[in-house]
C-alpha cells in the first residue's frame, strides 16, 4: 500500500477488495451489514470515519477478523 494512504482509505480498500472477492455488490453487502449502500460506498472510498462497532459489523459480514481490515497499515 502507498505510504500516503490514510487509515480510512486503507480500511476502505481492504473492505472493497474482500467484498469483490466474495462477488457481492455494494447493495447486497450493505444489506448483509444492515447499513445503507451509499454509506458502504463512502467507507470504501475512505470518506467516512467509522466506529469500531461498524468495523466489527463489516468484518462479521465478510467473515474475517477485524484485524485483517487494518493489518499492514503503516502511517
PDB file of N, CA and C in Angstrom:
ATOM      1  N   UNK A   1       0.833  -1.194   0.000  1.00  0.00           N
ATOM      2  CA  UNK A   1       0.000   0.000   0.000  1.00  0.00           C
ATOM      3  C   UNK A   1       0.871   1.249   0.000  1.00  0.00           C
ATOM      4  N   UNK A   2       0.369   2.279  -0.620  1.00  0.00           N
ATOM      5  CA  UNK A   2       1.051   3.561  -0.682  1.00  0.00           C
ATOM      6  C   UNK A   2       1.213   4.126   0.728  1.00  0.00           C
ATOM      7  N   UNK A   3       2.391   4.617   1.056  1.00  0.00           N
ATOM      8  CA  UNK A   3       2.668   5.156   2.388  1.00  0.00           C
ATOM      9  C   UNK A   3       1.813   6.386   2.703  1.00  0.00           C
ATOM     10  N   UNK A   4       1.281   7.064   1.687  1.00  0.00           N
ATOM     11  CA  UNK A   4       0.485   8.260   1.914  1.00  0.00           C
ATOM     12  C   UNK A   4      -1.007   7.965   2.071  1.00  0.00           C
ATOM     13  N   UNK A   5      -1.372   6.708   2.058  1.00  0.00           N
ATOM     14  CA  UNK A   5      -2.775   6.334   2.202  1.00  0.00           C
ATOM     15  C   UNK A   5      -3.181   6.477   3.669  1.00  0.00           C
ATOM     16  N   UNK A   6      -4.304   7.125   3.910  1.00  0.00           N
ATOM     17  CA  UNK A   6      -4.804   7.278   5.276  1.00  0.00           C
ATOM     18  C   UNK A   6      -5.355   5.939   5.770  1.00  0.00           C
ATOM     19  N   UNK A   7      -5.512   5.830   7.069  1.00  0.00           N
ATOM     20  CA  UNK A   7      -6.084   4.615   7.646  1.00  0.00           C
ATOM     21  C   UNK A   7      -7.490   4.380   7.091  1.00  0.00           C
ATOM     22  N   UNK A   8      -8.280   5.437   6.954  1.00  0.00           N
ATOM     23  CA  UNK A   8      -9.633   5.280   6.409  1.00  0.00           C
ATOM     24  C   UNK A   8      -9.600   4.710   4.996  1.00  0.00           C
ATOM     25  N   UNK A   9      -8.698   5.217   4.160  1.00  0.00           N
ATOM     26  CA  UNK A   9      -8.589   4.710   2.788  1.00  0.00           C
ATOM     27  C   UNK A   9      -8.075   3.279   2.775  1.00  0.00           C
ATOM     28  N   UNK A  10      -7.105   2.982   3.620  1.00  0.00           N
ATOM     29  CA  UNK A  10      -6.555   1.628   3.712  1.00  0.00           C
ATOM     30  C   UNK A  10      -7.661   0.630   4.064  1.00  0.00           C
ATOM     31  N   UNK A  11      -8.421   0.936   5.109  1.00  0.00           N
ATOM     32  CA  UNK A  11      -9.509   0.048   5.538  1.00  0.00           C
ATOM     33  C   UNK A  11     -10.557  -0.053   4.432  1.00  0.00           C
ATOM     34  N   UNK A  12     -10.899   1.061   3.814  1.00  0.00           N
ATOM     35  CA  UNK A  12     -11.884   1.051   2.739  1.00  0.00           C
ATOM     36  C   UNK A  12     -11.472   0.177   1.577  1.00  0.00           C
ATOM     37  N   UNK A  13     -10.212   0.259   1.188  1.00  0.00           N
ATOM     38  CA  UNK A  13      -9.719  -0.571   0.089  1.00  0.00           C
ATOM     39  C   UNK A  13      -9.737  -2.051   0.454  1.00  0.00           C
ATOM     40  N   UNK A  14      -9.383  -2.360   1.704  1.00  0.00           N
ATOM     41  CA  UNK A  14      -9.432  -3.756   2.154  1.00  0.00           C
ATOM     42  C   UNK A  14     -10.868  -4.274   2.106  1.00  0.00           C
ATOM     43  N   UNK A  15     -11.809  -3.463   2.573  1.00  0.00           N
ATOM     44  CA  UNK A  15     -13.221  -3.859   2.560  1.00  0.00           C
ATOM     45  C   UNK A  15     -13.680  -4.080   1.118  1.00  0.00           C
ATOM     46  N   UNK A  16     -13.373  -3.144   0.235  1.00  0.00           N
ATOM     47  CA  UNK A  16     -13.780  -3.270  -1.167  1.00  0.00           C
ATOM     48  C   UNK A  16     -13.209  -4.539  -1.795  1.00  0.00           C
ATOM     49  N   UNK A  17     -11.929  -4.785  -1.581  1.00  0.00           N
ATOM     50  CA  UNK A  17     -11.297  -5.971  -2.164  1.00  0.00           C
ATOM     51  C   UNK A  17     -11.924  -7.260  -1.639  1.00  0.00           C
ATOM     52  N   UNK A  18     -12.160  -7.327  -0.345  1.00  0.00           N
ATOM     53  CA  UNK A  18     -12.778  -8.526   0.236  1.00  0.00           C
ATOM     54  C   UNK A  18     -14.217  -8.693  -0.242  1.00  0.00           C
ATOM     55  N   UNK A  19     -14.945  -7.584  -0.351  1.00  0.00           N
ATOM     56  CA  UNK A  19     -16.339  -7.651  -0.839  1.00  0.00           C
ATOM     57  C   UNK A  19     -16.361  -8.178  -2.270  1.00  0.00           C
ATOM     58  N   UNK A  20     -15.464  -7.661  -3.109  1.00  0.00           N
ATOM     59  CA  UNK A  20     -15.420  -8.100  -4.510  1.00  0.00           C
ATOM     60  C   UNK A  20     -14.982  -9.554  -4.626  1.00  0.00           C
ATOM     61  N   UNK A  21     -14.049  -9.995  -3.776  1.00  0.00           N
ATOM     62  CA  UNK A  21     -13.642 -11.401  -3.766  1.00  0.00           C
ATOM     63  C   UNK A  21     -14.831 -12.324  -3.489  1.00  0.00           C
ATOM     64  N   UNK A  22     -15.800 -11.805  -2.742  1.00  0.00           N
ATOM     65  CA  UNK A  22     -16.989 -12.584  -2.388  1.00  0.00           C
ATOM     66  C   UNK A  22     -18.132 -12.364  -3.372  1.00  0.00           C
ATOM     67  N   UNK A  23     -17.833 -11.650  -4.452  1.00  0.00           N
ATOM     68  CA  UNK A  23     -18.820 -11.370  -5.504  1.00  0.00           C
ATOM     69  C   UNK A  23     -20.094 -10.726  -4.972  1.00  0.00           C
ATOM     70  N   UNK A  24     -19.918  -9.779  -4.059  1.00  0.00           N
ATOM     71  CA  UNK A  24     -21.058  -9.051  -3.503  1.00  0.00           C
ATOM     72  C   UNK A  24     -21.089  -7.640  -4.082  1.00  0.00           C
ATOM     73  N   UNK A  25     -22.268  -7.201  -4.500  1.00  0.00           N
ATOM     74  CA  UNK A  25     -22.420  -5.802  -4.903  1.00  0.00           C
ATOM     75  C   UNK A  25     -22.422  -4.957  -3.633  1.00  0.00           C
ATOM     76  N   UNK A  26     -22.225  -3.658  -3.783  1.00  0.00           N
ATOM     77  CA  UNK A  26     -22.308  -2.780  -2.612  1.00  0.00           C
ATOM     78  C   UNK A  26     -23.685  -2.887  -1.967  1.00  0.00           C
ATOM     79  N   UNK A  27     -24.707  -2.976  -2.793  1.00  0.00           N
ATOM     80  CA  UNK A  27     -26.067  -3.052  -2.263  1.00  0.00           C
ATOM     81  C   UNK A  27     -26.291  -4.341  -1.470  1.00  0.00           C
ATOM     82  N   UNK A  28     -25.870  -5.478  -2.029  1.00  0.00           N
ATOM     83  CA  UNK A  28     -26.028  -6.743  -1.317  1.00  0.00           C
ATOM     84  C   UNK A  28     -25.205  -6.760  -0.034  1.00  0.00           C
ATOM     85  N   UNK A  29     -23.999  -6.224  -0.112  1.00  0.00           N
ATOM     86  CA  UNK A  29     -23.139  -6.186   1.064  1.00  0.00           C
ATOM     87  C   UNK A  29     -23.721  -5.271   2.135  1.00  0.00           C
ATOM     88  N   UNK A  30     -24.232  -4.121   1.722  1.00  0.00           N
ATOM     89  CA  UNK A  30     -24.859  -3.198   2.671  1.00  0.00           C
ATOM     90  C   UNK A  30     -26.035  -3.862   3.368  1.00  0.00           C
ATOM     91  N   UNK A  31     -26.852  -4.583   2.616  1.00  0.00           N
ATOM     92  CA  UNK A  31     -27.978  -5.308   3.209  1.00  0.00           C
ATOM     93  C   UNK A  31     -27.502  -6.327   4.228  1.00  0.00           C
ATOM     94  N   UNK A  32     -26.435  -7.028   3.889  1.00  0.00           N
ATOM     95  CA  UNK A  32     -25.877  -8.042   4.786  1.00  0.00           C
ATOM     96  C   UNK A  32     -25.366  -7.406   6.083  1.00  0.00           C
ATOM     97  N   UNK A  33     -24.856  -6.178   5.977  1.00  0.00           N
ATOM     98  CA  UNK A  33     -24.335  -5.463   7.144  1.00  0.00           C
ATOM     99  C   UNK A  33     -25.421  -4.703   7.904  1.00  0.00           C
ATOM    100  N   UNK A  34     -26.561  -4.490   7.272  1.00  0.00           N
ATOM    101  CA  UNK A  34     -27.593  -3.662   7.883  1.00  0.00           C
ATOM    102  C   UNK A  34     -27.270  -2.179   7.775  1.00  0.00           C
ATOM    103  N   UNK A  35     -26.514  -1.818   6.732  1.00  0.00           N
ATOM    104  CA  UNK A  35     -26.119  -0.434   6.503  1.00  0.00           C
ATOM    105  C   UNK A  35     -26.616   0.023   5.132  1.00  0.00           C
ATOM    106  N   UNK A  36     -26.558   1.320   4.879  1.00  0.00           N
ATOM    107  CA  UNK A  36     -27.020   1.856   3.602  1.00  0.00           C
ATOM    108  C   UNK A  36     -25.927   1.725   2.540  1.00  0.00           C
ATOM    109  N   UNK A  37     -26.319   1.487   1.307  1.00  0.00           N
ATOM    110  CA  UNK A  37     -25.391   1.321   0.186  1.00  0.00           C
ATOM    111  C   UNK A  37     -24.462   2.522   0.027  1.00  0.00           C
ATOM    112  N   UNK A  38     -24.996   3.727   0.151  1.00  0.00           N
ATOM    113  CA  UNK A  38     -24.155   4.909  -0.024  1.00  0.00           C
ATOM    114  C   UNK A  38     -23.139   5.038   1.115  1.00  0.00           C
ATOM    115  N   UNK A  39     -23.496   4.568   2.287  1.00  0.00           N
ATOM    116  CA  UNK A  39     -22.566   4.582   3.419  1.00  0.00           C
ATOM    117  C   UNK A  39     -21.404   3.628   3.135  1.00  0.00           C
ATOM    118  N   UNK A  40     -21.715   2.430   2.647  1.00  0.00           N
ATOM    119  CA  UNK A  40     -20.666   1.464   2.303  1.00  0.00           C
ATOM    120  C   UNK A  40     -19.747   2.058   1.232  1.00  0.00           C
ATOM    121  N   UNK A  41     -20.310   2.712   0.242  1.00  0.00           N
ATOM    122  CA  UNK A  41     -19.505   3.346  -0.800  1.00  0.00           C
ATOM    123  C   UNK A  41     -18.557   4.384  -0.224  1.00  0.00           C
ATOM    124  N   UNK A  42     -19.055   5.196   0.694  1.00  0.00           N
ATOM    125  CA  UNK A  42     -18.228   6.226   1.326  1.00  0.00           C
ATOM    126  C   UNK A  42     -17.127   5.595   2.183  1.00  0.00           C
ATOM    127  N   UNK A  43     -17.449   4.508   2.871  1.00  0.00           N
ATOM    128  CA  UNK A  43     -16.440   3.794   3.665  1.00  0.00           C
ATOM    129  C   UNK A  43     -15.353   3.252   2.742  1.00  0.00           C
ATOM    130  N   UNK A  44     -15.753   2.627   1.647  1.00  0.00           N
ATOM    131  CA  UNK A  44     -14.787   2.050   0.710  1.00  0.00           C
ATOM    132  C   UNK A  44     -13.890   3.112   0.073  1.00  0.00           C
ATOM    133  N   UNK A  45     -14.385   4.313  -0.069  1.00  0.00           N
ATOM    134  CA  UNK A  45     -13.582   5.402  -0.634  1.00  0.00           C
ATOM    135  C   UNK A  45     -12.742   6.097   0.441  1.00  0.00           C
ATOM    136  N   UNK A  46     -12.905   5.700   1.693  1.00  0.00           N
ATOM    137  CA  UNK A  46     -12.149   6.300   2.789  1.00  0.00           C
ATOM    138  C   UNK A  46     -12.686   7.646   3.214  1.00  0.00           C
ATOM    139  N   UNK A  47     -13.942   7.913   2.910  1.00  0.00           N
ATOM    140  CA  UNK A  47     -14.552   9.208   3.213  1.00  0.00           C
ATOM    141  C   UNK A  47     -15.231   9.246   4.573  1.00  0.00           C
ATOM    142  N   UNK A  48     -15.405   8.098   5.197  1.00  0.00           N
ATOM    143  CA  UNK A  48     -16.099   8.035   6.492  1.00  0.00           C
ATOM    144  C   UNK A  48     -15.148   7.547   7.571  1.00  0.00           C
ATOM    145  N   UNK A  49     -15.270   8.109   8.744  1.00  0.00           N
ATOM    146  CA  UNK A  49     -14.507   7.680   9.903  1.00  0.00           C
ATOM    147  C   UNK A  49     -15.428   6.758  10.700  1.00  0.00           C
ATOM    148  N   UNK A  50     -15.319   5.467  10.458  1.00  0.00           N
ATOM    149  CA  UNK A  50     -16.289   4.527  11.018  1.00  0.00           C
ATOM    150  C   UNK A  50     -15.949   4.172  12.463  1.00  0.00           C
ATOM    151  N   UNK A  51     -16.967   3.769  13.194  1.00  0.00           N
ATOM    152  CA  UNK A  51     -16.780   3.358  14.584  1.00  0.00           C
ATOM    153  C   UNK A  51     -16.230   1.937  14.634  1.00  0.00           C
ATOM    154  N   UNK A  52     -15.714   1.566  15.785  1.00  0.00           N
ATOM    155  CA  UNK A  52     -15.233   0.202  15.968  1.00  0.00           C
ATOM    156  C   UNK A  52     -16.376  -0.795  15.840  1.00  0.00           C
ATOM    157  N   UNK A  53     -17.550  -0.419  16.300  1.00  0.00           N
ATOM    158  CA  UNK A  53     -18.716  -1.301  16.196  1.00  0.00           C
ATOM    159  C   UNK A  53     -19.065  -1.556  14.725  1.00  0.00           C
ATOM    160  N   UNK A  54     -19.032  -0.512  13.905  1.00  0.00           N
ATOM    161  CA  UNK A  54     -19.308  -0.674  12.478  1.00  0.00           C
ATOM    162  C   UNK A  54     -18.225  -1.513  11.820  1.00  0.00           C
ATOM    163  N   UNK A  55     -16.975  -1.303  12.213  1.00  0.00           N
ATOM    164  CA  UNK A  55     -15.886  -2.110  11.681  1.00  0.00           C
ATOM    165  C   UNK A  55     -16.101  -3.583  12.031  1.00  0.00           C
ATOM    166  N   UNK A  56     -16.557  -3.843  13.243  1.00  0.00           N
ATOM    167  CA  UNK A  56     -16.851  -5.205  13.674  1.00  0.00           C
ATOM    168  C   UNK A  56     -17.996  -5.805  12.852  1.00  0.00           C
ATOM    169  N   UNK A  57     -19.032  -5.031  12.602  1.00  0.00           N
ATOM    170  CA  UNK A  57     -20.177  -5.484  11.800  1.00  0.00           C
ATOM    171  C   UNK A  57     -19.733  -5.834  10.385  1.00  0.00           C
ATOM    172  N   UNK A  58     -18.905  -4.984   9.796  1.00  0.00           N
ATOM    173  CA  UNK A  58     -18.410  -5.220   8.443  1.00  0.00           C
ATOM    174  C   UNK A  58     -17.526  -6.463   8.408  1.00  0.00           C
ATOM    175  N   UNK A  59     -16.655  -6.603   9.393  1.00  0.00           N
ATOM    176  CA  UNK A  59     -15.777  -7.776   9.456  1.00  0.00           C
ATOM    177  C   UNK A  59     -16.603  -9.060   9.563  1.00  0.00           C
ATOM    178  N   UNK A  60     -17.635  -9.043  10.390  1.00  0.00           N
ATOM    179  CA  UNK A  60     -18.503 -10.218  10.532  1.00  0.00           C
ATOM    180  C   UNK A  60     -19.181 -10.554   9.206  1.00  0.00           C
ATOM    181  N   UNK A  61     -19.640  -9.539   8.488  1.00  0.00           N
ATOM    182  CA  UNK A  61     -20.306  -9.769   7.200  1.00  0.00           C
ATOM    183  C   UNK A  61     -19.335 -10.341   6.166  1.00  0.00           C
ATOM    184  N   UNK A  62     -18.055 -10.003   6.303  1.00  0.00           N
ATOM    185  CA  UNK A  62     -17.029 -10.511   5.387  1.00  0.00           C
ATOM    186  C   UNK A  62     -16.419 -11.822   5.888  1.00  0.00           C
ATOM    187  N   UNK A  63     -16.788 -12.223   7.102  1.00  0.00           N
ATOM    188  CA  UNK A  63     -16.270 -13.436   7.732  1.00  0.00           C
ATOM    189  C   UNK A  63     -14.753 -13.375   7.903  1.00  0.00           C
ATOM    190  N   UNK A  64     -14.289 -12.220   8.410  1.00  0.00           N
ATOM    191  CA  UNK A  64     -12.870 -12.031   8.709  1.00  0.00           C
ATOM    192  C   UNK A  64     -12.746 -11.425  10.107  1.00  0.00           C
ATOM    193  N   UNK A  65     -11.548 -11.491  10.650  1.00  0.00           N
ATOM    194  CA  UNK A  65     -11.262 -10.831  11.920  1.00  0.00           C
ATOM    195  C   UNK A  65     -11.098  -9.333  11.663  1.00  0.00           C
ATOM    196  N   UNK A  66     -11.460  -8.515  12.637  1.00  0.00           N
ATOM    197  CA  UNK A  66     -11.320  -7.066  12.497  1.00  0.00           C
ATOM    198  C   UNK A  66      -9.880  -6.701  12.132  1.00  0.00           C
ATOM    199  N   UNK A  67      -8.929  -7.376  12.735  1.00  0.00           N
ATOM    200  CA  UNK A  67      -7.525  -7.078  12.479  1.00  0.00           C
ATOM    201  C   UNK A  67      -7.133  -7.219  11.021  1.00  0.00           C
ATOM    202  N   UNK A  68      -7.803  -8.099  10.301  1.00  0.00           N
ATOM    203  CA  UNK A  68      -7.484  -8.275   8.875  1.00  0.00           C
ATOM    204  C   UNK A  68      -7.792  -7.013   8.070  1.00  0.00           C
ATOM    205  N   UNK A  69      -8.719  -6.210   8.564  1.00  0.00           N
ATOM    206  CA  UNK A  69      -9.095  -4.991   7.843  1.00  0.00           C
ATOM    207  C   UNK A  69      -8.097  -3.855   8.061  1.00  0.00           C
ATOM    208  N   UNK A  70      -7.304  -3.952   9.127  1.00  0.00           N
ATOM    209  CA  UNK A  70      -6.352  -2.884   9.399  1.00  0.00           C
ATOM    210  C   UNK A  70      -4.897  -3.331   9.320  1.00  0.00           C
ATOM    211  N   UNK A  71      -4.660  -4.646   9.137  1.00  0.00           N
ATOM    212  CA  UNK A  71      -3.269  -5.103   9.111  1.00  0.00           C
ATOM    213  C   UNK A  71      -2.531  -4.503   7.924  1.00  0.00           C
ATOM    214  N   UNK A  72      -1.241  -4.449   8.046  1.00  0.00           N
ATOM    215  CA  UNK A  72      -0.341  -3.924   7.017  1.00  0.00           C
ATOM    216  C   UNK A  72      -0.430  -2.402   6.843  1.00  0.00           C
ATOM    217  N   UNK A  73      -1.181  -1.719   7.705  1.00  0.00           N
ATOM    218  CA  UNK A  73      -1.248  -0.251   7.601  1.00  0.00           C
ATOM    219  C   UNK A  73      -0.013   0.347   8.251  1.00  0.00           C
ATOM    220  N   UNK A  74       0.636   1.240   7.536  1.00  0.00           N
ATOM    221  CA  UNK A  74       1.773   1.981   8.073  1.00  0.00           C
ATOM    222  C   UNK A  74       1.581   3.439   7.737  1.00  0.00           C
ATOM    223  N   UNK A  75       1.666   4.264   8.755  1.00  0.00           N
ATOM    224  CA  UNK A  75       1.492   5.707   8.574  1.00  0.00           C
ATOM    225  C   UNK A  75       2.707   6.294   7.929  1.00  0.00           C
TER     226      UNK A  75
END
